[in-house]
């Protein structure tokens, strides 16, 4: 069983089975909704994910897409789209309490919409903490 939730703790969820896959999405819709250059999504059977505390707010982000997020802190949690993922739910992988318990992302999708500088982000210098604060 995997658990996760929003930043403020108002919404908590659990997944009773492993996800089918974990993907990194670069689409403009994900970027705008998250304020981040990409979003990682773990795709589960809809019946395997249950909200155990609170209730996410749902917003139509496209004709068929629905984004579920915490109304208090704004954390994006789920994405549903019966046209693409019938009877499935995408969970933002980084909202899991321990994202390392599921498989690593296997693919990057919507790279046609990827921010140009993200193609080489893996080559940037790395710091274990904020530079100067290590």
C-alpha atoms as a PDB file:
ATOM      1  CA  UNK A   1       0.000   0.000   0.000  1.00  0.00           C
ATOM      2  CA  UNK A   2       1.344   3.429  -0.963  1.00  0.00           C
ATOM      3  CA  UNK A   3       0.180   6.622   0.693  1.00  0.00           C
ATOM      4  CA  UNK A   4       0.541  10.254  -0.222  1.00  0.00           C
ATOM      5  CA  UNK A   5      -1.051  13.635   0.014  1.00  0.00           C
ATOM      6  CA  UNK A   6      -0.885  17.344  -0.480  1.00  0.00           C
ATOM      7  CA  UNK A   7       1.625  19.783   0.989  1.00  0.00           C
ATOM      8  CA  UNK A   8      -0.586  20.970   3.863  1.00  0.00           C
ATOM      9  CA  UNK A   9      -1.991  17.543   4.761  1.00  0.00           C
ATOM     10  CA  UNK A  10      -5.645  18.416   4.113  1.00  0.00           C
ATOM     11  CA  UNK A  11      -5.942  15.689   1.439  1.00  0.00           C
ATOM     12  CA  UNK A  12      -4.479  12.204   1.888  1.00  0.00           C
ATOM     13  CA  UNK A  13      -4.809   9.160  -0.361  1.00  0.00           C
ATOM     14  CA  UNK A  14      -3.690   5.567  -0.560  1.00  0.00           C
ATOM     15  CA  UNK A  15      -3.063   3.190  -3.427  1.00  0.00           C
ATOM     16  CA  UNK A  16      -3.691  -0.499  -2.756  1.00  0.00           C
ATOM     17  CA  UNK A  17      -1.728  -1.854  -5.743  1.00  0.00           C
ATOM     18  CA  UNK A  18       1.348  -0.810  -7.702  1.00  0.00           C
ATOM     19  CA  UNK A  19       0.915   1.573 -10.631  1.00  0.00           C
ATOM     20  CA  UNK A  20       0.842   0.336 -14.209  1.00  0.00           C
ATOM     21  CA  UNK A  21       3.548   2.820 -15.175  1.00  0.00           C
ATOM     22  CA  UNK A  22       5.295   6.014 -14.144  1.00  0.00           C
ATOM     23  CA  UNK A  23       5.870   8.665 -16.819  1.00  0.00           C
ATOM     24  CA  UNK A  24       7.278  12.170 -17.024  1.00  0.00           C
ATOM     25  CA  UNK A  25       5.027  14.616 -18.873  1.00  0.00           C
ATOM     26  CA  UNK A  26       6.243  17.806 -20.532  1.00  0.00           C
ATOM     27  CA  UNK A  27       2.892  19.076 -21.863  1.00  0.00           C
ATOM     28  CA  UNK A  28       1.950  22.722 -21.528  1.00  0.00           C
ATOM     29  CA  UNK A  29      -1.160  21.819 -19.523  1.00  0.00           C
ATOM     30  CA  UNK A  30       0.890  19.973 -16.860  1.00  0.00           C
ATOM     31  CA  UNK A  31       3.472  22.751 -16.752  1.00  0.00           C
ATOM     32  CA  UNK A  32       0.854  25.474 -16.290  1.00  0.00           C
ATOM     33  CA  UNK A  33      -1.090  23.518 -13.664  1.00  0.00           C
ATOM     34  CA  UNK A  34       2.035  22.723 -11.629  1.00  0.00           C
ATOM     35  CA  UNK A  35       4.273  25.728 -12.257  1.00  0.00           C
ATOM     36  CA  UNK A  36       7.063  23.205 -12.917  1.00  0.00           C
ATOM     37  CA  UNK A  37       8.884  22.260 -16.139  1.00  0.00           C
ATOM     38  CA  UNK A  38       7.556  18.683 -15.967  1.00  0.00           C
ATOM     39  CA  UNK A  39       5.307  16.437 -13.891  1.00  0.00           C
ATOM     40  CA  UNK A  40       5.785  12.735 -13.098  1.00  0.00           C
ATOM     41  CA  UNK A  41       2.601  10.649 -13.197  1.00  0.00           C
ATOM     42  CA  UNK A  42       1.965   7.137 -11.849  1.00  0.00           C
ATOM     43  CA  UNK A  43      -0.988   5.509 -13.622  1.00  0.00           C
ATOM     44  CA  UNK A  44      -3.197   3.324 -11.413  1.00  0.00           C
ATOM     45  CA  UNK A  45      -6.487   1.501 -11.870  1.00  0.00           C
ATOM     46  CA  UNK A  46      -9.070   3.979 -10.573  1.00  0.00           C
ATOM     47  CA  UNK A  47     -10.365   1.487  -8.011  1.00  0.00           C
ATOM     48  CA  UNK A  48      -6.884   1.114  -6.501  1.00  0.00           C
ATOM     49  CA  UNK A  49      -6.669   4.765  -5.367  1.00  0.00           C
ATOM     50  CA  UNK A  50      -8.807   5.994  -2.498  1.00  0.00           C
ATOM     51  CA  UNK A  51      -8.911   9.411  -0.847  1.00  0.00           C
ATOM     52  CA  UNK A  52      -8.705   8.753   2.905  1.00  0.00           C
ATOM     53  CA  UNK A  53      -8.761  12.337   4.195  1.00  0.00           C
ATOM     54  CA  UNK A  54     -10.331  15.493   2.823  1.00  0.00           C
ATOM     55  CA  UNK A  55     -11.669  15.951  -0.678  1.00  0.00           C
ATOM     56  CA  UNK A  56      -9.731  17.336  -3.619  1.00  0.00           C
ATOM     57  CA  UNK A  57     -11.260  20.062  -5.735  1.00  0.00           C
ATOM     58  CA  UNK A  58     -11.743  19.080  -9.383  1.00  0.00           C
ATOM     59  CA  UNK A  59     -11.198  21.410 -12.325  1.00  0.00           C
ATOM     60  CA  UNK A  60     -11.778  20.737 -16.022  1.00  0.00           C
ATOM     61  CA  UNK A  61      -8.426  21.586 -17.600  1.00  0.00           C
ATOM     62  CA  UNK A  62      -9.496  20.494 -21.080  1.00  0.00           C
ATOM     63  CA  UNK A  63     -12.554  19.040 -22.770  1.00  0.00           C
ATOM     64  CA  UNK A  64     -12.051  15.614 -21.171  1.00  0.00           C
ATOM     65  CA  UNK A  65      -9.237  16.167 -18.649  1.00  0.00           C
ATOM     66  CA  UNK A  66      -9.911  16.720 -14.963  1.00  0.00           C
ATOM     67  CA  UNK A  67      -7.263  17.899 -12.508  1.00  0.00           C
ATOM     68  CA  UNK A  68      -7.786  17.101  -8.836  1.00  0.00           C
ATOM     69  CA  UNK A  69      -5.947  19.288  -6.327  1.00  0.00           C
ATOM     70  CA  UNK A  70      -6.017  20.479  -2.735  1.00  0.00           C
ATOM     71  CA  UNK A  71      -8.230  23.567  -2.449  1.00  0.00           C
ATOM     72  CA  UNK A  72      -6.235  24.733   0.588  1.00  0.00           C
ATOM     73  CA  UNK A  73      -2.607  24.569  -0.585  1.00  0.00           C
ATOM     74  CA  UNK A  74      -3.015  24.041  -4.339  1.00  0.00           C
ATOM     75  CA  UNK A  75      -1.016  20.809  -4.588  1.00  0.00           C
ATOM     76  CA  UNK A  76      -1.914  18.902  -7.756  1.00  0.00           C
ATOM     77  CA  UNK A  77      -2.757  15.295  -6.918  1.00  0.00           C
ATOM     78  CA  UNK A  78      -4.609  13.436  -9.681  1.00  0.00           C
ATOM     79  CA  UNK A  79      -5.527  13.627 -13.343  1.00  0.00           C
ATOM     80  CA  UNK A  80      -8.429  11.762 -14.917  1.00  0.00           C
ATOM     81  CA  UNK A  81      -9.498  11.594 -18.549  1.00  0.00           C
ATOM     82  CA  UNK A  82     -11.994   8.940 -19.636  1.00  0.00           C
ATOM     83  CA  UNK A  83     -11.043   9.463 -23.290  1.00  0.00           C
ATOM     84  CA  UNK A  84      -7.395   8.518 -22.706  1.00  0.00           C
ATOM     85  CA  UNK A  85      -7.334   6.627 -19.381  1.00  0.00           C
ATOM     86  CA  UNK A  86     -10.738   4.970 -18.982  1.00  0.00           C
ATOM     87  CA  UNK A  87     -11.140   3.546 -15.445  1.00  0.00           C
ATOM     88  CA  UNK A  88      -7.657   4.774 -14.532  1.00  0.00           C
ATOM     89  CA  UNK A  89      -6.243   7.661 -12.529  1.00  0.00           C
ATOM     90  CA  UNK A  90      -2.894   9.383 -12.833  1.00  0.00           C
ATOM     91  CA  UNK A  91      -1.333  10.283  -9.492  1.00  0.00           C
ATOM     92  CA  UNK A  92       1.400  12.902  -9.316  1.00  0.00           C
ATOM     93  CA  UNK A  93       4.266  10.626  -8.274  1.00  0.00           C
ATOM     94  CA  UNK A  94       6.008  13.289  -6.199  1.00  0.00           C
ATOM     95  CA  UNK A  95       2.987  13.500  -3.862  1.00  0.00           C
ATOM     96  CA  UNK A  96       3.620   9.960  -2.610  1.00  0.00           C
ATOM     97  CA  UNK A  97       5.090   9.904   0.889  1.00  0.00           C
ATOM     98  CA  UNK A  98       7.981   7.865  -0.536  1.00  0.00           C
ATOM     99  CA  UNK A  99       8.116   8.180  -4.331  1.00  0.00           C
ATOM    100  CA  UNK A 100      11.004   5.694  -4.412  1.00  0.00           C
ATOM    101  CA  UNK A 101       8.628   2.828  -3.474  1.00  0.00           C
ATOM    102  CA  UNK A 102       7.254   2.739  -7.027  1.00  0.00           C
ATOM    103  CA  UNK A 103       9.109   2.096 -10.253  1.00  0.00           C
ATOM    104  CA  UNK A 104      11.144   4.932 -11.729  1.00  0.00           C
ATOM    105  CA  UNK A 105       9.635   6.755 -14.692  1.00  0.00           C
ATOM    106  CA  UNK A 106      10.147   4.664 -17.822  1.00  0.00           C
ATOM    107  CA  UNK A 107       9.244   7.248 -20.471  1.00  0.00           C
ATOM    108  CA  UNK A 108       8.967  10.959 -21.147  1.00  0.00           C
ATOM    109  CA  UNK A 109       5.811  12.008 -22.955  1.00  0.00           C
ATOM    110  CA  UNK A 110       4.676  15.134 -24.771  1.00  0.00           C
ATOM    111  CA  UNK A 111       8.302  16.078 -25.519  1.00  0.00           C
ATOM    112  CA  UNK A 112       7.025  18.083 -28.489  1.00  0.00           C
ATOM    113  CA  UNK A 113       5.942  20.633 -25.849  1.00  0.00           C
ATOM    114  CA  UNK A 114       9.055  20.318 -23.662  1.00  0.00           C
ATOM    115  CA  UNK A 115      10.798  23.538 -22.664  1.00  0.00           C
ATOM    116  CA  UNK A 116      13.978  23.650 -24.765  1.00  0.00           C
ATOM    117  CA  UNK A 117      16.405  23.871 -21.855  1.00  0.00           C
ATOM    118  CA  UNK A 118      14.904  20.777 -20.204  1.00  0.00           C
ATOM    119  CA  UNK A 119      16.464  18.576 -22.894  1.00  0.00           C
ATOM    120  CA  UNK A 120      19.887  19.086 -21.282  1.00  0.00           C
ATOM    121  CA  UNK A 121      18.899  19.606 -17.632  1.00  0.00           C
ATOM    122  CA  UNK A 122      20.523  16.284 -16.698  1.00  0.00           C
ATOM    123  CA  UNK A 123      23.939  17.768 -17.607  1.00  0.00           C
ATOM    124  CA  UNK A 124      23.750  20.690 -15.151  1.00  0.00           C
ATOM    125  CA  UNK A 125      26.040  20.744 -12.095  1.00  0.00           C
ATOM    126  CA  UNK A 126      24.496  19.086  -9.040  1.00  0.00           C
ATOM    127  CA  UNK A 127      24.564  20.107  -5.374  1.00  0.00           C
ATOM    128  CA  UNK A 128      23.280  17.987  -2.462  1.00  0.00           C
ATOM    129  CA  UNK A 129      21.720  21.139  -0.996  1.00  0.00           C
ATOM    130  CA  UNK A 130      21.330  24.735  -2.136  1.00  0.00           C
ATOM    131  CA  UNK A 131      24.817  26.008  -3.173  1.00  0.00           C
ATOM    132  CA  UNK A 132      26.581  27.540  -0.186  1.00  0.00           C
ATOM    133  CA  UNK A 133      24.222  25.791   2.263  1.00  0.00           C
ATOM    134  CA  UNK A 134      25.825  22.335   2.032  1.00  0.00           C
END
